[in-house]
Amino acid sequence: MIRILIVDDHHLFREGLARVLNEAPGMVVVASVSNGLEAISRAAEFKPDVVLMDVNMPKLGGVEATSQLRKIHPQASVLMLTVSEEEHDLYAAIRAGARGYLLKSATSAELIDAIQRVHAKEAILTPGMAAKLLNEFASISLGQGTLNSDANDDADTRTLTEREREVLQWVVRGMTNKEIGVQLSLSPHTIKAHIRTILDKLHVRSRAGAAAWATRHETPKS
């Protein structure tokens, strides 16, 4: 039996998902929780084979929860199950160790297939998100990408303000603008403005590029 942990902040969605998966051959939902903090606790308790993880949740988002969960329970395969089609969420999830990224618009059959595949240690991406990832790697091959390119190594985080360096560290951890705003007691609009300035100063095109730059240079947290 594939043991599954569901992590999503919508109660009705969790209930419906658990019903579908418990009826699927060879699957059982061992726990269902509403945020990343609970996910880490329940994963340690129930040791699931597959974790279905939403991206945006209160208390602790799915990307940071995935990163922490992979450290304490590396045997589990994390499948992001989300409405987010944002590229930065996809890249952050991959960096955190997720084996798959599936949109909630998927059918039950597609979800069951995805669970089986990540349990077998395969990788699974919603076709549209896979296309975005391939486009990014195509850009990298032309020297224009941001995931691992060294083209922007002449940038210097000393040009960033203390607040911008602080925001950048939360970006590295895969936090959304809203989640960063909660941490810093700022509005999502203000965080968005800070990130736009960070991208300009580091000469990168996306927050994924900024996160990759900061990771390469091990920017110290303010």
N, C-alpha and C. Protein backbone atom coordinates (compact mmCIF):
# COMPACT_ATOMS: atom_id res chain seq x y z
N MET A 1 0.83 -1.20 0.00
CA MET A 1 0.00 0.00 0.00
C MET A 1 0.87 1.26 0.00
N ILE A 2 0.50 2.22 -0.83
CA ILE A 2 1.18 3.51 -0.84
C ILE A 2 0.53 4.38 0.24
N ARG A 3 1.32 4.76 1.24
CA ARG A 3 0.83 5.56 2.36
C ARG A 3 0.94 7.04 1.99
N ILE A 4 -0.17 7.76 2.08
CA ILE A 4 -0.24 9.13 1.58
C ILE A 4 -0.58 10.12 2.69
N LEU A 5 0.13 11.23 2.71
CA LEU A 5 -0.17 12.35 3.60
C LEU A 5 -0.66 13.52 2.74
N ILE A 6 -1.85 14.05 3.04
CA ILE A 6 -2.41 15.19 2.31
C ILE A 6 -2.17 16.46 3.11
N VAL A 7 -1.63 17.48 2.43
CA VAL A 7 -1.35 18.76 3.08
C VAL A 7 -1.99 19.88 2.26
N ASP A 8 -3.09 20.44 2.78
CA ASP A 8 -3.81 21.49 2.05
C ASP A 8 -4.67 22.25 3.06
N ASP A 9 -4.78 23.57 2.87
CA ASP A 9 -5.52 24.35 3.86
C ASP A 9 -7.02 24.43 3.59
N HIS A 10 -7.52 23.72 2.57
CA HIS A 10 -8.95 23.70 2.29
C HIS A 10 -9.54 22.35 2.75
N HIS A 11 -10.36 22.41 3.79
CA HIS A 11 -10.88 21.21 4.42
C HIS A 11 -11.69 20.34 3.45
N LEU A 12 -12.61 20.94 2.71
CA LEU A 12 -13.44 20.16 1.80
C LEU A 12 -12.61 19.50 0.70
N PHE A 13 -11.58 20.19 0.24
CA PHE A 13 -10.71 19.61 -0.78
C PHE A 13 -9.99 18.39 -0.22
N ARG A 14 -9.48 18.50 1.01
CA ARG A 14 -8.80 17.37 1.63
C ARG A 14 -9.74 16.18 1.78
N GLU A 15 -10.97 16.45 2.22
CA GLU A 15 -11.94 15.37 2.41
C GLU A 15 -12.22 14.65 1.10
N GLY A 16 -12.48 15.43 0.05
CA GLY A 16 -12.78 14.82 -1.25
C GLY A 16 -11.60 14.04 -1.80
N LEU A 17 -10.40 14.59 -1.63
CA LEU A 17 -9.20 13.93 -2.11
C LEU A 17 -8.96 12.63 -1.36
N ALA A 18 -9.15 12.65 -0.05
CA ALA A 18 -8.96 11.45 0.75
C ALA A 18 -9.94 10.36 0.33
N ARG A 19 -11.18 10.75 0.03
CA ARG A 19 -12.19 9.79 -0.39
C ARG A 19 -11.78 9.10 -1.70
N VAL A 20 -11.30 9.91 -2.65
CA VAL A 20 -10.89 9.37 -3.95
C VAL A 20 -9.70 8.41 -3.78
N LEU A 21 -8.71 8.82 -3.01
CA LEU A 21 -7.50 8.02 -2.89
C LEU A 21 -7.71 6.76 -2.06
N ASN A 22 -8.54 6.83 -1.05
CA ASN A 22 -8.81 5.62 -0.25
C ASN A 22 -9.58 4.57 -1.03
N GLU A 23 -10.27 5.00 -2.08
CA GLU A 23 -10.98 4.06 -2.94
C GLU A 23 -10.10 3.50 -4.05
N ALA A 24 -8.93 4.11 -4.25
CA ALA A 24 -8.01 3.66 -5.30
C ALA A 24 -7.25 2.42 -4.82
N PRO A 25 -7.09 1.42 -5.68
CA PRO A 25 -6.37 0.20 -5.29
C PRO A 25 -4.93 0.51 -4.90
N GLY A 26 -4.51 -0.06 -3.78
CA GLY A 26 -3.11 0.07 -3.37
C GLY A 26 -2.75 1.39 -2.73
N MET A 27 -3.74 2.19 -2.30
CA MET A 27 -3.45 3.48 -1.69
C MET A 27 -4.24 3.65 -0.41
N VAL A 28 -3.65 4.36 0.55
CA VAL A 28 -4.35 4.67 1.79
C VAL A 28 -3.86 6.03 2.29
N VAL A 29 -4.77 6.88 2.69
CA VAL A 29 -4.43 8.18 3.27
C VAL A 29 -4.22 7.99 4.77
N VAL A 30 -2.99 8.22 5.23
CA VAL A 30 -2.67 7.99 6.64
C VAL A 30 -2.91 9.22 7.50
N ALA A 31 -2.93 10.41 6.87
CA ALA A 31 -3.18 11.64 7.61
C ALA A 31 -3.51 12.75 6.64
N SER A 32 -4.21 13.77 7.16
CA SER A 32 -4.62 14.92 6.36
C SER A 32 -4.50 16.16 7.24
N VAL A 33 -3.68 17.14 6.81
CA VAL A 33 -3.41 18.32 7.63
C VAL A 33 -3.53 19.59 6.82
N SER A 34 -3.56 20.74 7.53
CA SER A 34 -3.89 22.00 6.87
C SER A 34 -2.72 22.95 6.64
N ASN A 35 -1.53 22.60 7.09
CA ASN A 35 -0.40 23.50 6.85
C ASN A 35 0.93 22.74 6.95
N GLY A 36 2.00 23.44 6.58
CA GLY A 36 3.30 22.81 6.54
C GLY A 36 3.84 22.37 7.88
N LEU A 37 3.55 23.12 8.93
CA LEU A 37 4.03 22.73 10.26
C LEU A 37 3.43 21.39 10.69
N GLU A 38 2.13 21.26 10.46
CA GLU A 38 1.48 19.99 10.80
C GLU A 38 2.01 18.86 9.93
N ALA A 39 2.34 19.17 8.68
CA ALA A 39 2.86 18.16 7.76
C ALA A 39 4.15 17.56 8.28
N ILE A 40 5.04 18.40 8.78
CA ILE A 40 6.32 17.93 9.29
C ILE A 40 6.10 17.02 10.50
N SER A 41 5.20 17.42 11.39
CA SER A 41 4.90 16.62 12.57
C SER A 41 4.29 15.27 12.21
N ARG A 42 3.31 15.29 11.31
CA ARG A 42 2.62 14.05 10.93
C ARG A 42 3.52 13.14 10.11
N ALA A 43 4.40 13.72 9.31
CA ALA A 43 5.31 12.89 8.52
C ALA A 43 6.23 12.09 9.44
N ALA A 44 6.69 12.74 10.50
CA ALA A 44 7.55 12.04 11.46
C ALA A 44 6.78 10.93 12.17
N GLU A 45 5.48 11.15 12.36
CA GLU A 45 4.66 10.17 13.08
C GLU A 45 4.21 9.01 12.19
N PHE A 46 3.73 9.33 10.97
CA PHE A 46 3.13 8.30 10.12
C PHE A 46 4.06 7.78 9.02
N LYS A 47 5.16 8.46 8.77
CA LYS A 47 6.13 8.04 7.76
C LYS A 47 5.46 7.68 6.42
N PRO A 48 4.83 8.66 5.77
CA PRO A 48 4.15 8.39 4.50
C PRO A 48 5.14 8.11 3.37
N ASP A 49 4.66 7.41 2.36
CA ASP A 49 5.48 7.17 1.16
C ASP A 49 5.42 8.37 0.22
N VAL A 50 4.23 8.97 0.13
CA VAL A 50 4.02 10.12 -0.76
C VAL A 50 3.31 11.22 0.03
N VAL A 51 3.77 12.46 -0.17
CA VAL A 51 3.13 13.62 0.46
C VAL A 51 2.57 14.50 -0.65
N LEU A 52 1.26 14.75 -0.61
CA LEU A 52 0.63 15.68 -1.54
C LEU A 52 0.64 17.04 -0.87
N MET A 53 1.38 17.99 -1.44
CA MET A 53 1.66 19.25 -0.77
C MET A 53 1.16 20.45 -1.57
N ASP A 54 0.30 21.26 -0.94
CA ASP A 54 -0.10 22.52 -1.57
C ASP A 54 1.06 23.51 -1.45
N VAL A 55 1.05 24.56 -2.28
CA VAL A 55 2.14 25.54 -2.24
C VAL A 55 1.86 26.63 -1.22
N ASN A 56 0.71 27.28 -1.35
CA ASN A 56 0.40 28.43 -0.49
C ASN A 56 -0.51 28.02 0.67
N MET A 57 0.05 28.06 1.87
CA MET A 57 -0.70 27.69 3.08
C MET A 57 -0.29 28.60 4.22
N PRO A 58 -1.13 28.74 5.24
CA PRO A 58 -0.76 29.54 6.41
C PRO A 58 0.29 28.84 7.27
N LYS A 59 0.91 29.63 8.14
CA LYS A 59 1.91 29.15 9.12
C LYS A 59 3.22 28.72 8.45
N LEU A 60 3.15 27.79 7.51
CA LEU A 60 4.35 27.38 6.79
C LEU A 60 3.93 26.90 5.41
N GLY A 61 4.47 27.54 4.36
CA GLY A 61 4.11 27.20 3.00
C GLY A 61 4.67 25.86 2.56
N GLY A 62 4.17 25.37 1.43
CA GLY A 62 4.54 24.05 0.95
C GLY A 62 5.98 23.88 0.55
N VAL A 63 6.59 24.93 0.00
CA VAL A 63 7.99 24.81 -0.45
C VAL A 63 8.92 24.66 0.74
N GLU A 64 8.78 25.53 1.73
CA GLU A 64 9.63 25.44 2.92
C GLU A 64 9.34 24.14 3.68
N ALA A 65 8.08 23.74 3.74
CA ALA A 65 7.73 22.48 4.41
C ALA A 65 8.38 21.29 3.70
N THR A 66 8.40 21.33 2.38
CA THR A 66 9.04 20.26 1.60
C THR A 66 10.52 20.18 1.92
N SER A 67 11.17 21.33 1.97
CA SER A 67 12.60 21.36 2.28
C SER A 67 12.89 20.75 3.65
N GLN A 68 12.08 21.12 4.63
CA GLN A 68 12.29 20.59 5.99
C GLN A 68 11.93 19.12 6.07
N LEU A 69 10.84 18.75 5.41
CA LEU A 69 10.39 17.36 5.45
C LEU A 69 11.42 16.43 4.81
N ARG A 70 12.06 16.88 3.74
CA ARG A 70 13.05 16.05 3.06
C ARG A 70 14.26 15.76 3.96
N LYS A 71 14.50 16.65 4.92
CA LYS A 71 15.63 16.45 5.82
C LYS A 71 15.31 15.42 6.90
N ILE A 72 14.06 15.42 7.38
CA ILE A 72 13.71 14.52 8.48
C ILE A 72 13.13 13.19 7.99
N HIS A 73 12.59 13.18 6.77
CA HIS A 73 11.99 11.96 6.24
C HIS A 73 12.29 11.86 4.73
N PRO A 74 13.55 11.68 4.37
CA PRO A 74 13.97 11.70 2.97
C PRO A 74 13.37 10.59 2.11
N GLN A 75 12.84 9.55 2.75
CA GLN A 75 12.25 8.46 1.97
C GLN A 75 10.95 8.87 1.30
N ALA A 76 10.30 9.88 1.82
CA ALA A 76 9.01 10.31 1.27
C ALA A 76 9.20 11.06 -0.04
N SER A 77 8.32 10.81 -0.99
CA SER A 77 8.31 11.54 -2.26
C SER A 77 7.24 12.62 -2.17
N VAL A 78 7.63 13.86 -2.43
CA VAL A 78 6.70 14.98 -2.34
C VAL A 78 6.17 15.33 -3.73
N LEU A 79 4.85 15.37 -3.83
CA LEU A 79 4.18 15.79 -5.07
C LEU A 79 3.42 17.07 -4.77
N MET A 80 3.85 18.18 -5.37
CA MET A 80 3.14 19.43 -5.18
C MET A 80 1.81 19.34 -5.93
N LEU A 81 0.72 19.66 -5.24
CA LEU A 81 -0.61 19.64 -5.84
C LEU A 81 -1.21 21.02 -5.58
N THR A 82 -1.27 21.85 -6.61
CA THR A 82 -1.53 23.27 -6.40
C THR A 82 -2.28 23.90 -7.56
N VAL A 83 -2.78 25.11 -7.34
CA VAL A 83 -3.39 25.90 -8.42
C VAL A 83 -2.37 26.84 -9.04
N SER A 84 -1.20 26.96 -8.42
CA SER A 84 -0.20 27.93 -8.87
C SER A 84 0.50 27.49 -10.15
N GLU A 85 0.43 28.34 -11.16
CA GLU A 85 1.15 28.11 -12.40
C GLU A 85 2.34 29.07 -12.52
N GLU A 86 2.72 29.67 -11.39
CA GLU A 86 3.84 30.61 -11.38
C GLU A 86 5.16 29.85 -11.52
N GLU A 87 6.03 30.35 -12.40
CA GLU A 87 7.30 29.69 -12.62
C GLU A 87 8.16 29.64 -11.35
N HIS A 88 8.12 30.73 -10.57
CA HIS A 88 8.97 30.76 -9.38
C HIS A 88 8.54 29.71 -8.37
N ASP A 89 7.24 29.38 -8.31
CA ASP A 89 6.78 28.32 -7.41
C ASP A 89 7.30 26.96 -7.89
N LEU A 90 7.27 26.75 -9.20
CA LEU A 90 7.78 25.50 -9.77
C LEU A 90 9.26 25.34 -9.46
N TYR A 91 10.06 26.37 -9.75
CA TYR A 91 11.50 26.29 -9.52
C TYR A 91 11.81 26.09 -8.04
N ALA A 92 11.09 26.82 -7.19
CA ALA A 92 11.33 26.70 -5.74
C ALA A 92 11.00 25.30 -5.25
N ALA A 93 9.93 24.72 -5.77
CA ALA A 93 9.54 23.36 -5.37
C ALA A 93 10.59 22.34 -5.78
N ILE A 94 11.12 22.51 -6.97
CA ILE A 94 12.17 21.59 -7.45
C ILE A 94 13.42 21.71 -6.59
N ARG A 95 13.81 22.97 -6.28
CA ARG A 95 14.99 23.17 -5.44
C ARG A 95 14.78 22.57 -4.05
N ALA A 96 13.54 22.61 -3.55
CA ALA A 96 13.26 22.09 -2.21
C ALA A 96 13.26 20.57 -2.17
N GLY A 97 13.20 19.93 -3.34
CA GLY A 97 13.26 18.46 -3.37
C GLY A 97 11.98 17.76 -3.79
N ALA A 98 10.99 18.51 -4.28
CA ALA A 98 9.76 17.86 -4.75
C ALA A 98 10.04 17.01 -5.99
N ARG A 99 9.39 15.86 -6.07
CA ARG A 99 9.57 14.98 -7.22
C ARG A 99 8.54 15.24 -8.31
N GLY A 100 7.51 16.03 -7.98
CA GLY A 100 6.48 16.29 -8.98
C GLY A 100 5.76 17.59 -8.71
N TYR A 101 5.12 18.11 -9.76
CA TYR A 101 4.37 19.36 -9.66
C TYR A 101 3.13 19.19 -10.52
N LEU A 102 1.97 19.07 -9.87
CA LEU A 102 0.73 18.79 -10.56
C LEU A 102 -0.30 19.85 -10.21
N LEU A 103 -1.03 20.33 -11.21
CA LEU A 103 -2.07 21.32 -10.96
C LEU A 103 -3.36 20.64 -10.49
N LYS A 104 -4.14 21.36 -9.70
CA LYS A 104 -5.38 20.80 -9.17
C LYS A 104 -6.45 20.60 -10.24
N SER A 105 -6.20 21.08 -11.43
CA SER A 105 -7.12 20.85 -12.54
C SER A 105 -6.97 19.43 -13.11
N ALA A 106 -6.00 18.67 -12.61
CA ALA A 106 -5.79 17.30 -13.07
C ALA A 106 -6.99 16.42 -12.72
N THR A 107 -7.19 15.37 -13.49
CA THR A 107 -8.26 14.41 -13.22
C THR A 107 -7.81 13.44 -12.13
N SER A 108 -8.76 12.70 -11.58
CA SER A 108 -8.44 11.71 -10.55
C SER A 108 -7.47 10.67 -11.09
N ALA A 109 -7.69 10.26 -12.34
CA ALA A 109 -6.80 9.25 -12.95
C ALA A 109 -5.38 9.80 -13.09
N GLU A 110 -5.26 11.08 -13.47
CA GLU A 110 -3.93 11.69 -13.61
C GLU A 110 -3.24 11.79 -12.26
N LEU A 111 -4.00 12.12 -11.22
CA LEU A 111 -3.42 12.22 -9.88
C LEU A 111 -2.94 10.86 -9.39
N ILE A 112 -3.76 9.84 -9.55
CA ILE A 112 -3.39 8.49 -9.11
C ILE A 112 -2.13 8.02 -9.85
N ASP A 113 -2.09 8.29 -11.15
CA ASP A 113 -0.91 7.92 -11.94
C ASP A 113 0.32 8.67 -11.43
N ALA A 114 0.16 9.96 -11.12
CA ALA A 114 1.29 10.77 -10.64
C ALA A 114 1.80 10.25 -9.31
N ILE A 115 0.88 9.87 -8.42
CA ILE A 115 1.28 9.33 -7.11
C ILE A 115 2.08 8.05 -7.30
N GLN A 116 1.61 7.18 -8.16
CA GLN A 116 2.32 5.92 -8.42
C GLN A 116 3.72 6.17 -8.98
N ARG A 117 3.82 7.16 -9.83
CA ARG A 117 5.11 7.45 -10.48
C ARG A 117 6.12 8.08 -9.52
N VAL A 118 5.66 9.03 -8.69
CA VAL A 118 6.62 9.62 -7.75
C VAL A 118 6.99 8.61 -6.67
N HIS A 119 6.06 7.72 -6.34
CA HIS A 119 6.39 6.66 -5.39
C HIS A 119 7.46 5.75 -5.95
N ALA A 120 7.46 5.58 -7.26
CA ALA A 120 8.49 4.77 -7.93
C ALA A 120 9.75 5.59 -8.22
N LYS A 121 9.81 6.80 -7.64
CA LYS A 121 10.96 7.70 -7.76
C LYS A 121 11.12 8.26 -9.16
N GLU A 122 10.03 8.32 -9.91
CA GLU A 122 10.03 9.03 -11.17
C GLU A 122 9.68 10.49 -10.91
N ALA A 123 9.87 11.32 -11.92
CA ALA A 123 9.50 12.74 -11.81
C ALA A 123 8.26 12.98 -12.66
N ILE A 124 7.39 13.87 -12.18
CA ILE A 124 6.15 14.16 -12.90
C ILE A 124 5.87 15.66 -12.86
N LEU A 125 5.57 16.22 -14.03
CA LEU A 125 5.21 17.63 -14.12
C LEU A 125 3.97 17.77 -14.98
N THR A 126 3.05 18.66 -14.56
CA THR A 126 1.94 19.01 -15.44
C THR A 126 2.52 19.50 -16.76
N PRO A 127 1.99 19.03 -17.92
CA PRO A 127 2.58 19.38 -19.22
C PRO A 127 2.91 20.86 -19.39
N GLY A 128 2.00 21.75 -19.01
CA GLY A 128 2.25 23.18 -19.17
C GLY A 128 3.43 23.65 -18.35
N MET A 129 3.60 23.10 -17.14
CA MET A 129 4.72 23.48 -16.29
C MET A 129 6.01 22.88 -16.82
N ALA A 130 5.93 21.68 -17.38
CA ALA A 130 7.12 21.07 -17.98
C ALA A 130 7.62 21.92 -19.13
N ALA A 131 6.69 22.48 -19.90
CA ALA A 131 7.07 23.34 -21.02
C ALA A 131 7.81 24.58 -20.52
N LYS A 132 7.35 25.15 -19.41
CA LYS A 132 8.02 26.33 -18.85
C LYS A 132 9.43 25.99 -18.42
N LEU A 133 9.59 24.80 -17.81
CA LEU A 133 10.91 24.39 -17.36
C LEU A 133 11.85 24.16 -18.54
N LEU A 134 11.33 23.53 -19.60
CA LEU A 134 12.13 23.30 -20.79
C LEU A 134 12.53 24.61 -21.46
N ASN A 135 11.61 25.57 -21.47
CA ASN A 135 11.91 26.88 -22.05
C ASN A 135 13.03 27.57 -21.27
N GLU A 136 13.00 27.40 -19.94
CA GLU A 136 14.04 28.01 -19.12
C GLU A 136 15.39 27.38 -19.40
N PHE A 137 15.43 26.06 -19.53
CA PHE A 137 16.70 25.40 -19.83
C PHE A 137 17.17 25.73 -21.24
N ALA A 138 16.23 25.94 -22.16
CA ALA A 138 16.60 26.37 -23.52
C ALA A 138 17.26 27.74 -23.46
N SER A 139 16.74 28.62 -22.60
CA SER A 139 17.33 29.95 -22.44
C SER A 139 18.73 29.85 -21.85
N ILE A 140 18.88 28.91 -20.90
CA ILE A 140 20.20 28.71 -20.30
C ILE A 140 21.21 28.29 -21.35
N SER A 141 20.80 27.42 -22.27
CA SER A 141 21.71 26.95 -23.30
C SER A 141 22.15 28.08 -24.22
N LEU A 142 21.35 29.14 -24.28
CA LEU A 142 21.69 30.31 -25.10
C LEU A 142 22.37 31.40 -24.27
N GLY A 143 22.65 31.08 -22.99
CA GLY A 143 23.30 32.06 -22.14
C GLY A 143 22.37 33.11 -21.59
N GLN A 144 21.05 32.84 -21.65
CA GLN A 144 20.09 33.84 -21.20
C GLN A 144 19.31 33.39 -19.97
N GLY A 145 19.53 32.15 -19.54
CA GLY A 145 18.73 31.61 -18.45
C GLY A 145 19.20 32.06 -17.08
N THR A 146 18.47 31.59 -16.07
CA THR A 146 18.77 32.05 -14.72
C THR A 146 18.90 30.94 -13.69
N LEU A 147 18.55 29.71 -14.03
CA LEU A 147 18.54 28.67 -12.99
C LEU A 147 19.94 28.38 -12.45
N ASN A 148 20.93 28.25 -13.36
CA ASN A 148 22.28 27.94 -12.91
C ASN A 148 23.33 28.77 -13.64
N SER A 149 22.91 29.72 -14.43
CA SER A 149 23.84 30.49 -15.23
C SER A 149 24.75 31.35 -14.37
N ASP A 150 26.03 31.49 -14.80
CA ASP A 150 26.97 32.35 -14.11
C ASP A 150 27.08 33.70 -14.79
N ALA A 151 26.17 34.00 -15.69
CA ALA A 151 26.26 35.22 -16.49
C ALA A 151 26.12 36.47 -15.63
N ASN A 152 25.57 36.33 -14.43
CA ASN A 152 25.31 37.51 -13.61
C ASN A 152 26.22 37.57 -12.38
N ASP A 153 27.35 36.89 -12.44
CA ASP A 153 28.21 36.84 -11.27
C ASP A 153 28.92 38.14 -10.99
N ASP A 154 28.82 39.13 -11.89
CA ASP A 154 29.42 40.42 -11.60
C ASP A 154 28.53 41.26 -10.69
N ALA A 155 27.31 40.79 -10.43
CA ALA A 155 26.41 41.52 -9.53
C ALA A 155 26.94 41.39 -8.11
N ASP A 156 26.52 42.28 -7.24
CA ASP A 156 27.05 42.31 -5.89
C ASP A 156 25.93 42.66 -4.92
N THR A 157 25.67 41.76 -3.95
CA THR A 157 24.58 42.03 -3.01
C THR A 157 24.89 43.20 -2.09
N ARG A 158 26.12 43.72 -2.12
CA ARG A 158 26.40 44.91 -1.32
C ARG A 158 25.64 46.12 -1.85
N THR A 159 25.15 46.03 -3.09
CA THR A 159 24.33 47.12 -3.63
C THR A 159 22.90 47.04 -3.10
N LEU A 160 22.55 45.93 -2.46
CA LEU A 160 21.22 45.78 -1.89
C LEU A 160 21.15 46.43 -0.52
N THR A 161 19.98 46.96 -0.19
CA THR A 161 19.78 47.49 1.15
C THR A 161 19.63 46.33 2.12
N GLU A 162 19.69 46.63 3.40
CA GLU A 162 19.51 45.58 4.41
C GLU A 162 18.17 44.90 4.25
N ARG A 163 17.12 45.67 4.00
CA ARG A 163 15.78 45.11 3.83
C ARG A 163 15.73 44.22 2.58
N GLU A 164 16.37 44.65 1.49
CA GLU A 164 16.36 43.86 0.26
C GLU A 164 17.10 42.55 0.44
N ARG A 165 18.19 42.55 1.19
CA ARG A 165 18.90 41.30 1.46
C ARG A 165 18.04 40.36 2.29
N GLU A 166 17.28 40.94 3.22
CA GLU A 166 16.38 40.13 4.05
C GLU A 166 15.28 39.51 3.19
N VAL A 167 14.69 40.30 2.30
CA VAL A 167 13.66 39.78 1.39
C VAL A 167 14.24 38.68 0.51
N LEU A 168 15.46 38.89 0.03
CA LEU A 168 16.10 37.91 -0.85
C LEU A 168 16.26 36.55 -0.17
N GLN A 169 16.58 36.57 1.11
CA GLN A 169 16.74 35.30 1.82
C GLN A 169 15.43 34.53 1.93
N TRP A 170 14.33 35.25 2.07
CA TRP A 170 13.03 34.58 2.09
C TRP A 170 12.68 34.06 0.70
N VAL A 171 13.08 34.78 -0.34
CA VAL A 171 12.86 34.32 -1.71
C VAL A 171 13.61 33.01 -1.94
N VAL A 172 14.83 32.93 -1.44
CA VAL A 172 15.63 31.70 -1.55
C VAL A 172 14.90 30.52 -0.95
N ARG A 173 14.15 30.77 0.12
CA ARG A 173 13.43 29.70 0.82
C ARG A 173 12.10 29.36 0.14
N GLY A 174 11.82 30.03 -0.98
CA GLY A 174 10.62 29.70 -1.75
C GLY A 174 9.35 30.35 -1.26
N MET A 175 9.46 31.36 -0.42
CA MET A 175 8.27 32.02 0.12
C MET A 175 7.58 32.88 -0.93
N THR A 176 6.26 32.95 -0.88
CA THR A 176 5.50 33.84 -1.75
C THR A 176 5.58 35.26 -1.20
N ASN A 177 5.14 36.24 -2.02
CA ASN A 177 5.14 37.63 -1.56
C ASN A 177 4.30 37.79 -0.29
N LYS A 178 3.16 37.11 -0.25
CA LYS A 178 2.29 37.20 0.91
C LYS A 178 2.97 36.63 2.15
N GLU A 179 3.63 35.48 2.00
CA GLU A 179 4.30 34.85 3.15
C GLU A 179 5.47 35.69 3.64
N ILE A 180 6.21 36.29 2.70
CA ILE A 180 7.32 37.16 3.09
C ILE A 180 6.78 38.38 3.83
N GLY A 181 5.67 38.92 3.33
CA GLY A 181 5.05 40.08 3.97
C GLY A 181 4.66 39.79 5.40
N VAL A 182 4.14 38.59 5.65
CA VAL A 182 3.77 38.21 7.01
C VAL A 182 5.01 38.17 7.90
N GLN A 183 6.10 37.60 7.38
CA GLN A 183 7.33 37.49 8.16
C GLN A 183 7.92 38.86 8.49
N LEU A 184 7.80 39.82 7.56
CA LEU A 184 8.43 41.13 7.73
C LEU A 184 7.44 42.24 8.10
N SER A 185 6.17 41.85 8.29
CA SER A 185 5.12 42.83 8.62
C SER A 185 5.01 43.92 7.56
N LEU A 186 5.05 43.49 6.29
CA LEU A 186 4.92 44.39 5.15
C LEU A 186 3.82 43.86 4.23
N SER A 187 3.28 44.73 3.40
CA SER A 187 2.24 44.31 2.46
C SER A 187 2.85 43.55 1.29
N PRO A 188 2.08 42.64 0.66
CA PRO A 188 2.58 41.94 -0.52
C PRO A 188 3.01 42.91 -1.63
N HIS A 189 2.33 44.06 -1.74
CA HIS A 189 2.69 45.06 -2.75
C HIS A 189 4.10 45.61 -2.49
N THR A 190 4.40 45.86 -1.22
CA THR A 190 5.74 46.37 -0.86
C THR A 190 6.80 45.32 -1.14
N ILE A 191 6.49 44.06 -0.82
CA ILE A 191 7.44 42.97 -1.10
C ILE A 191 7.69 42.85 -2.60
N LYS A 192 6.63 42.97 -3.38
CA LYS A 192 6.77 42.89 -4.84
C LYS A 192 7.70 43.98 -5.35
N ALA A 193 7.57 45.19 -4.80
CA ALA A 193 8.43 46.31 -5.21
C ALA A 193 9.89 46.02 -4.83
N HIS A 194 10.11 45.47 -3.63
CA HIS A 194 11.47 45.12 -3.22
C HIS A 194 12.07 44.09 -4.17
N ILE A 195 11.28 43.09 -4.53
CA ILE A 195 11.79 42.03 -5.41
C ILE A 195 12.13 42.58 -6.79
N ARG A 196 11.31 43.49 -7.28
CA ARG A 196 11.59 44.10 -8.58
C ARG A 196 12.93 44.84 -8.54
N THR A 197 13.20 45.54 -7.44
CA THR A 197 14.47 46.24 -7.29
C THR A 197 15.64 45.26 -7.19
N ILE A 198 15.42 44.15 -6.46
CA ILE A 198 16.46 43.13 -6.32
C ILE A 198 16.83 42.55 -7.68
N LEU A 199 15.83 42.25 -8.49
CA LEU A 199 16.09 41.69 -9.82
C LEU A 199 16.91 42.66 -10.67
N ASP A 200 16.57 43.94 -10.58
CA ASP A 200 17.30 44.95 -11.35
C ASP A 200 18.76 45.03 -10.89
N LYS A 201 18.98 45.03 -9.58
CA LYS A 201 20.33 45.17 -9.06
C LYS A 201 21.20 43.95 -9.32
N LEU A 202 20.59 42.77 -9.33
CA LEU A 202 21.35 41.54 -9.56
C LEU A 202 21.42 41.15 -11.03
N HIS A 203 20.72 41.93 -11.88
CA HIS A 203 20.72 41.70 -13.33
C HIS A 203 20.19 40.31 -13.69
N VAL A 204 19.09 39.94 -13.06
CA VAL A 204 18.44 38.67 -13.37
C VAL A 204 17.00 38.94 -13.77
N ARG A 205 16.37 37.95 -14.43
CA ARG A 205 15.04 38.17 -14.99
C ARG A 205 13.91 37.73 -14.07
N SER A 206 14.20 36.85 -13.13
CA SER A 206 13.12 36.28 -12.32
C SER A 206 13.58 36.06 -10.89
N ARG A 207 12.62 35.84 -10.00
CA ARG A 207 12.97 35.56 -8.61
C ARG A 207 13.71 34.23 -8.50
N ALA A 208 13.45 33.30 -9.44
CA ALA A 208 14.21 32.05 -9.45
C ALA A 208 15.68 32.34 -9.73
N GLY A 209 15.93 33.30 -10.64
CA GLY A 209 17.30 33.68 -10.93
C GLY A 209 17.97 34.34 -9.74
N ALA A 210 17.22 35.18 -9.03
CA ALA A 210 17.77 35.84 -7.85
C ALA A 210 18.09 34.80 -6.77
N ALA A 211 17.20 33.82 -6.60
CA ALA A 211 17.43 32.77 -5.61
C ALA A 211 18.65 31.94 -5.98
N ALA A 212 18.79 31.62 -7.27
CA ALA A 212 19.95 30.85 -7.72
C ALA A 212 21.23 31.62 -7.49
N TRP A 213 21.21 32.92 -7.79
CA TRP A 213 22.40 33.77 -7.56
C TRP A 213 22.77 33.77 -6.09
N ALA A 214 21.78 34.01 -5.23
CA ALA A 214 22.03 34.09 -3.80
C ALA A 214 22.56 32.76 -3.26
N THR A 215 22.02 31.66 -3.78
CA THR A 215 22.47 30.33 -3.34
C THR A 215 23.91 30.07 -3.74
N ARG A 216 24.26 30.46 -4.96
CA ARG A 216 25.64 30.27 -5.41
C ARG A 216 26.65 31.06 -4.56
N HIS A 217 26.23 32.28 -4.18
CA HIS A 217 27.14 33.17 -3.47
C HIS A 217 26.97 33.11 -1.96
N GLU A 218 26.04 32.26 -1.49
CA GLU A 218 25.82 32.07 -0.06
C GLU A 218 25.69 33.41 0.65
N THR A 219 24.73 34.21 0.14
CA THR A 219 24.50 35.52 0.71
C THR A 219 24.11 35.40 2.18
N PRO A 220 24.81 36.05 3.08
CA PRO A 220 24.47 35.95 4.51
C PRO A 220 23.16 36.62 4.80
N LYS A 221 22.38 36.05 5.72
CA LYS A 221 21.11 36.64 6.11
C LYS A 221 21.35 37.84 7.01
N SER A 222 20.56 38.91 6.74
CA SER A 222 20.71 40.13 7.53
C SER A 222 20.26 39.90 8.96
